[in-house]
Amino acid sequence: AVPIYISETAHPKIRGSLVTLDAFNIATGYLLTWILSYFFTWRMTAYLLTIPPILLMILLLPLPETPYWLIENNNFKKAKESLQFFRGKSYNITDEYDEIQQKHESKQNQHSKNWLEFTIKRIFSSAFLKPFLCIGIVFGLNECLGFGPLITYTYEIFDETGSSVEPGIGLVIIASIRVVTAGIIFPFRNAFHKKHQM
């Protein structure tokens, strides 16, 4: 839910960068979990790990709905207020708001004519198909590499293979490497984006 919220509220110039932070946050979550599990019992670890989602819920409560969602539900006044909230009081939101509204109106006009035709055209359009295939290929490769089962049974692998590394420490090392790798994506993505803009 958080990546969707970011994508609908962040400014287009920084939207891509903020969404990539999700991978870093997930990696950090794994690291935190395995550090806690090294020092505490599984029950205490479970109790402690309820704190971050509770904090997230509390912090999300005062935030408004996204401008996109509000426009989709024809609540235009609140959509303007929401966009102004995320951009700041001194920011001129007119152009961005008009663009969001135009996209919504265009979508409604196309949708009302022929829902099935509109859906098929949208699915096979390059604007949808190209990023979907890119994400699909990366996701498929990730699944084929068996990362999910590997993470699940990492402790048993360290324990049963007779590794000199203590299983709990091994988990922390792997999680730390993942955090570093995920952290590299953020500056690399920005450098790659700037290079292609030149």
Protein backbone atom coordinates (compact mmCIF):
# COMPACT_ATOMS: atom_id res chain seq x y z
CA ALA A 1 0.00 0.00 0.00
CA VAL A 2 2.85 2.41 0.81
CA PRO A 3 4.42 2.30 -2.72
CA ILE A 4 0.99 3.05 -4.23
CA TYR A 5 0.49 5.95 -1.84
CA ILE A 6 3.94 7.31 -2.72
CA SER A 7 3.32 6.97 -6.46
CA GLU A 8 0.06 8.94 -6.16
CA THR A 9 1.37 11.71 -3.89
CA ALA A 10 5.05 12.27 -4.74
CA HIS A 11 6.10 14.86 -7.30
CA PRO A 12 6.79 13.25 -10.73
CA LYS A 13 10.47 14.31 -10.56
CA ILE A 14 11.16 12.27 -7.42
CA ARG A 15 8.44 9.61 -7.70
CA GLY A 16 10.67 6.92 -9.21
CA SER A 17 13.39 7.48 -6.63
CA LEU A 18 11.00 7.24 -3.69
CA VAL A 19 9.37 4.05 -4.98
CA THR A 20 12.80 2.36 -5.22
CA LEU A 21 13.22 3.02 -1.50
CA ASP A 22 10.61 0.31 -0.88
CA ALA A 23 13.20 -2.39 -1.67
CA PHE A 24 15.63 -0.76 0.75
CA ASN A 25 12.97 -0.64 3.48
CA ILE A 26 12.12 -4.33 2.97
CA ALA A 27 15.81 -5.27 3.19
CA THR A 28 16.17 -3.17 6.35
CA GLY A 29 13.11 -4.93 7.79
CA TYR A 30 14.74 -8.34 7.22
CA LEU A 31 17.93 -7.11 8.89
CA LEU A 32 16.05 -5.77 11.90
CA THR A 33 14.10 -9.03 12.21
CA TRP A 34 17.21 -11.20 12.17
CA ILE A 35 19.12 -8.96 14.58
CA LEU A 36 16.23 -9.12 17.04
CA SER A 37 15.83 -12.89 16.59
CA TYR A 38 19.54 -13.33 17.39
CA PHE A 39 19.16 -11.64 20.78
CA PHE A 40 15.58 -12.53 21.72
CA THR A 41 13.22 -15.50 21.60
CA TRP A 42 10.87 -15.85 18.63
CA ARG A 43 7.94 -14.76 20.81
CA MET A 44 9.62 -11.56 21.99
CA THR A 45 10.79 -10.87 18.42
CA ALA A 46 7.20 -11.20 17.20
CA TYR A 47 5.99 -8.77 19.89
CA LEU A 48 8.69 -6.22 19.05
CA LEU A 49 7.96 -6.44 15.33
CA THR A 50 4.36 -5.35 15.89
CA ILE A 51 5.67 -1.87 16.78
CA PRO A 52 6.65 -0.67 13.23
CA PRO A 53 3.25 -1.43 11.60
CA ILE A 54 1.43 0.17 14.55
CA LEU A 55 3.58 3.29 14.21
CA LEU A 56 2.96 3.31 10.45
CA MET A 57 -0.80 3.19 10.99
CA ILE A 58 -0.64 6.06 13.49
CA LEU A 59 1.53 8.18 11.17
CA LEU A 60 -0.78 7.54 8.19
CA LEU A 61 -3.95 8.55 10.03
CA PRO A 62 -3.50 12.37 9.70
CA LEU A 63 -2.50 12.15 6.04
CA PRO A 64 -5.17 12.95 3.41
CA GLU A 65 -6.34 10.66 0.63
CA THR A 66 -4.33 10.95 -2.58
CA PRO A 67 -5.35 13.57 -5.19
CA TYR A 68 -5.74 10.81 -7.80
CA TRP A 69 -8.14 8.83 -5.62
CA LEU A 70 -10.18 11.92 -4.71
CA ILE A 71 -10.53 12.98 -8.36
CA GLU A 72 -11.53 9.42 -9.30
CA ASN A 73 -14.31 9.75 -6.72
CA ASN A 74 -15.32 13.24 -7.96
CA ASN A 75 -14.19 14.99 -4.79
CA PHE A 76 -12.40 17.82 -6.60
CA LYS A 77 -12.21 20.30 -3.73
CA LYS A 78 -10.50 17.83 -1.41
CA ALA A 79 -8.26 16.70 -4.29
CA LYS A 80 -6.93 20.27 -4.60
CA GLU A 81 -6.44 20.51 -0.85
CA SER A 82 -4.63 17.16 -0.82
CA LEU A 83 -2.30 18.12 -3.66
CA GLN A 84 -1.56 21.46 -1.99
CA PHE A 85 -0.82 19.65 1.28
CA PHE A 86 1.79 17.42 -0.39
CA ARG A 87 3.38 20.22 -2.45
CA GLY A 88 3.39 22.93 0.23
CA LYS A 89 1.42 26.14 0.68
CA SER A 90 3.62 28.26 -1.60
CA TYR A 91 3.66 25.75 -4.50
CA ASN A 92 1.49 26.45 -7.57
CA ILE A 93 -0.46 23.22 -8.13
CA THR A 94 -2.59 24.47 -11.07
CA ASP A 95 -0.71 22.73 -13.90
CA GLU A 96 -0.30 19.45 -12.06
CA TYR A 97 -3.91 19.42 -10.88
CA ASP A 98 -5.20 20.18 -14.38
CA GLU A 99 -3.08 17.36 -15.79
CA ILE A 100 -4.49 14.86 -13.27
CA GLN A 101 -8.03 16.00 -14.01
CA GLN A 102 -7.51 15.83 -17.80
CA LYS A 103 -6.22 12.27 -17.49
CA HIS A 104 -9.25 11.36 -15.41
CA GLU A 105 -11.67 12.93 -17.90
CA SER A 106 -9.93 11.25 -20.84
CA LYS A 107 -10.11 7.91 -19.04
CA GLN A 108 -13.82 8.40 -18.30
CA ASN A 109 -14.63 9.35 -21.91
CA GLN A 110 -12.81 6.34 -23.32
CA HIS A 111 -14.24 4.05 -20.66
CA SER A 112 -17.84 5.14 -21.24
CA LYS A 113 -17.70 4.44 -24.98
CA ASN A 114 -16.71 0.81 -24.85
CA TRP A 115 -15.36 -0.68 -21.65
CA LEU A 116 -14.03 -3.89 -23.23
CA GLU A 117 -12.37 -2.13 -26.16
CA PHE A 118 -10.85 0.47 -23.85
CA THR A 119 -9.45 -2.22 -21.51
CA ILE A 120 -7.95 -4.28 -24.36
CA LYS A 121 -6.37 -1.21 -25.98
CA ARG A 122 -4.92 -0.10 -22.66
CA ILE A 123 -3.45 -3.53 -21.88
CA PHE A 124 -1.75 -3.75 -25.29
CA SER A 125 -0.62 -0.11 -25.39
CA SER A 126 3.14 0.51 -25.16
CA ALA A 127 2.56 2.77 -22.14
CA PHE A 128 1.29 -0.24 -20.19
CA LEU A 129 2.90 -3.22 -21.90
CA LYS A 130 6.52 -2.05 -21.87
CA PRO A 131 6.85 -1.36 -18.11
CA PHE A 132 4.65 -4.37 -17.29
CA LEU A 133 6.92 -6.71 -19.27
CA CYS A 134 10.05 -5.22 -17.70
CA ILE A 135 8.67 -5.72 -14.20
CA GLY A 136 7.31 -9.15 -15.14
CA ILE A 137 10.70 -10.33 -16.43
CA VAL A 138 12.50 -9.11 -13.30
CA PHE A 139 9.85 -10.69 -11.06
CA GLY A 140 9.99 -13.96 -13.01
CA LEU A 141 13.79 -14.12 -12.78
CA ASN A 142 13.62 -13.39 -9.06
CA GLU A 143 11.17 -16.27 -8.56
CA CYS A 144 13.23 -18.66 -10.72
CA LEU A 145 16.34 -17.92 -8.69
CA GLY A 146 14.56 -19.35 -5.66
CA PHE A 147 15.24 -16.37 -3.42
CA GLY A 148 12.03 -16.88 -1.41
CA PRO A 149 12.74 -20.49 -0.32
CA LEU A 150 16.41 -19.62 0.24
CA ILE A 151 15.48 -16.84 2.68
CA THR A 152 13.00 -19.13 4.44
CA TYR A 153 15.51 -21.95 5.00
CA THR A 154 18.72 -19.94 5.40
CA TYR A 155 19.01 -20.75 9.10
CA GLU A 156 18.61 -24.50 8.43
CA ILE A 157 21.13 -24.33 5.58
CA PHE A 158 23.76 -22.76 7.84
CA ASP A 159 22.95 -25.17 10.65
CA GLU A 160 22.86 -28.45 8.69
CA THR A 161 25.77 -27.84 6.31
CA GLY A 162 28.18 -27.58 9.22
CA SER A 163 29.17 -24.02 8.41
CA SER A 164 31.71 -22.37 10.69
CA VAL A 165 29.47 -19.29 10.72
CA GLU A 166 26.83 -19.34 13.44
CA PRO A 167 23.36 -19.46 11.76
CA GLY A 168 22.09 -16.35 13.54
CA ILE A 169 25.17 -14.35 12.52
CA GLY A 170 24.91 -15.73 8.98
CA LEU A 171 21.38 -14.36 8.67
CA VAL A 172 22.54 -10.93 9.85
CA ILE A 173 25.44 -10.94 7.35
CA ILE A 174 23.14 -11.87 4.46
CA ALA A 175 20.60 -9.22 5.47
CA SER A 176 23.37 -6.60 5.74
CA ILE A 177 24.58 -7.42 2.22
CA ARG A 178 21.00 -7.10 0.98
CA VAL A 179 20.62 -3.68 2.65
CA VAL A 180 23.85 -2.45 1.02
CA THR A 181 22.77 -3.81 -2.39
CA ALA A 182 19.32 -2.23 -2.10
CA GLY A 183 20.92 1.04 -0.95
CA ILE A 184 23.12 1.15 -4.07
CA ILE A 185 20.01 1.11 -6.29
CA PHE A 186 18.92 4.59 -5.14
CA PRO A 187 22.01 6.61 -6.26
CA PHE A 188 22.51 4.33 -9.29
CA ARG A 189 18.93 4.94 -10.42
CA ASN A 190 19.37 8.73 -10.08
CA ALA A 191 22.67 8.68 -12.01
CA PHE A 192 21.15 6.52 -14.76
CA HIS A 193 18.11 8.81 -15.00
CA LYS A 194 20.26 11.98 -15.24
CA LYS A 195 22.47 10.39 -17.91
CA HIS A 196 19.48 9.66 -20.14
CA GLN A 197 18.10 13.17 -19.65
CA MET A 198 21.30 14.75 -21.02
